[in-house]
Structures are given as C-alpha cells and as structure tokens.
Amino acid sequence: MTKIIVLRGNVGSGKSTIAKDLFEKLGGEKKVLIVSHDDLNRKVLPYFDHEINAPHVRNIISEIMQVAQKIDWQYIIFDGIWRWWYYD
C-alpha cells in the first residue's frame, strides 16, 4: 500500500528540502514520487492555486494516487502550500 506524506507550510519553510531528503532516505525514484505544488501550479493548470480549480486539483491528486498504487510506488510526498480548499 502506498503511504502518503504531506509537507505543507509557508514559502521558504523548508518543505522542498525535507521532501528531497525523504526521497533519498526512502529509496529514490523507484519507490518515491514527489508531487510539487509549484510544478502543478506552473505546468498543469493555469490558476492552479485558485479556489475555482479545487475540484480539478482533487481529481489530479486522486489520479496520481491511483497510478502510484498500480506501479507500486511505496511513498508519495506532496510538497507545497496546499491551501484549505484542496481538502474539502
């Protein structure tokens, strides 16, 4: 079963540094996927960080989790601000 780690906090608080350290300690690219809020915001959805896109973001996260289980990633690390509307 894939374990989910959420690193959530303010800009510059060290989330990405911790994510990279965990990535290495937990087995690297064959076992761990890092999902960066910044990457999704810049590359996947325009206005990703806006409440109007929350349903789309939830769908993307759900699909990532399903794929991770199918290909047997042991960990997914979600790294970013992850505002409250992603969780409702």
Protein backbone atom coordinates (compact mmCIF):
# COMPACT_ATOMS: atom_id res chain seq x y z
CA MET A 1 0.00 0.00 0.00
CA THR A 2 1.27 3.46 -0.92
CA LYS A 3 1.91 5.78 2.00
CA ILE A 4 1.19 9.49 1.64
CA ILE A 5 3.35 12.18 3.18
CA VAL A 6 2.12 15.77 3.06
CA LEU A 7 4.63 18.55 3.63
CA ARG A 8 2.59 21.70 3.91
CA GLY A 9 3.74 25.12 5.01
CA ASN A 10 4.66 28.66 4.13
CA VAL A 11 7.02 29.72 1.36
CA GLY A 12 10.65 29.22 2.35
CA SER A 13 9.90 26.98 5.34
CA GLY A 14 12.00 24.05 4.06
CA LYS A 15 9.31 21.77 2.62
CA SER A 16 11.16 21.02 -0.61
CA THR A 17 14.44 20.41 1.20
CA ILE A 18 12.75 17.92 3.51
CA ALA A 19 11.00 16.30 0.52
CA LYS A 20 14.34 15.79 -1.25
CA ASP A 21 15.92 14.34 1.90
CA LEU A 22 12.99 11.96 2.39
CA PHE A 23 13.14 11.00 -1.29
CA GLU A 24 16.72 9.81 -0.86
CA LYS A 25 16.18 8.14 2.53
CA LEU A 26 13.04 6.28 1.42
CA GLY A 27 14.52 4.71 -1.70
CA GLY A 28 14.66 7.26 -4.51
CA GLU A 29 12.91 7.19 -7.84
CA LYS A 30 11.88 3.53 -7.83
CA LYS A 31 9.95 3.87 -4.58
CA VAL A 32 9.09 7.54 -4.05
CA LEU A 33 7.17 10.15 -6.04
CA ILE A 34 7.33 13.82 -5.12
CA VAL A 35 4.32 15.87 -6.20
CA SER A 36 5.22 19.52 -6.01
CA HIS A 37 2.52 22.14 -5.64
CA ASP A 38 4.79 24.53 -7.56
CA ASP A 39 5.14 22.15 -10.51
CA LEU A 40 1.39 21.58 -10.71
CA ASN A 41 0.79 25.30 -10.42
CA ARG A 42 3.21 26.16 -13.24
CA LYS A 43 2.80 23.20 -15.59
CA VAL A 44 -0.59 21.56 -15.21
CA LEU A 45 -3.36 24.06 -14.55
CA PRO A 46 -3.44 27.76 -15.15
CA TYR A 47 -4.53 29.43 -11.95
CA PHE A 48 -3.91 26.14 -10.13
CA ASP A 49 -3.67 27.96 -6.82
CA HIS A 50 -7.15 29.44 -7.14
CA GLU A 51 -10.16 28.04 -5.32
CA ILE A 52 -12.09 27.64 -8.58
CA ASN A 53 -9.72 24.85 -9.63
CA ALA A 54 -10.04 22.87 -6.39
CA PRO A 55 -12.18 20.07 -7.97
CA HIS A 56 -9.64 19.66 -10.78
CA VAL A 57 -6.77 19.59 -8.32
CA ARG A 58 -8.53 16.93 -6.24
CA ASN A 59 -9.05 14.84 -9.39
CA ILE A 60 -5.38 15.16 -10.34
CA ILE A 61 -4.29 14.14 -6.84
CA SER A 62 -6.68 11.17 -6.90
CA GLU A 63 -5.34 10.01 -10.28
CA ILE A 64 -1.74 10.36 -9.11
CA MET A 65 -2.54 8.19 -6.09
CA GLN A 66 -4.23 5.53 -8.23
CA VAL A 67 -1.29 5.35 -10.64
CA ALA A 68 1.18 5.21 -7.76
CA GLN A 69 -0.56 2.17 -6.35
CA LYS A 70 -0.65 0.43 -9.73
CA ILE A 71 3.06 0.84 -10.32
CA ASP A 72 3.92 0.12 -6.68
CA TRP A 73 5.43 3.38 -5.53
CA GLN A 74 5.77 2.98 -1.79
CA TYR A 75 5.51 6.68 -0.98
CA ILE A 76 4.01 9.83 -2.44
CA ILE A 77 5.28 13.09 -0.99
CA PHE A 78 3.02 16.09 -1.57
CA ASP A 79 5.16 19.19 -1.16
CA GLY A 80 3.67 22.67 -1.13
CA ILE A 81 1.28 25.22 0.26
CA TRP A 82 -1.84 23.09 -0.42
CA ARG A 83 -4.50 25.57 0.56
CA TRP A 84 -7.57 24.52 2.54
CA TRP A 85 -9.88 24.23 -0.46
CA TYR A 86 -7.98 21.18 -1.75
CA TYR A 87 -9.17 19.22 1.29
CA ASP A 88 -12.91 19.94 1.36
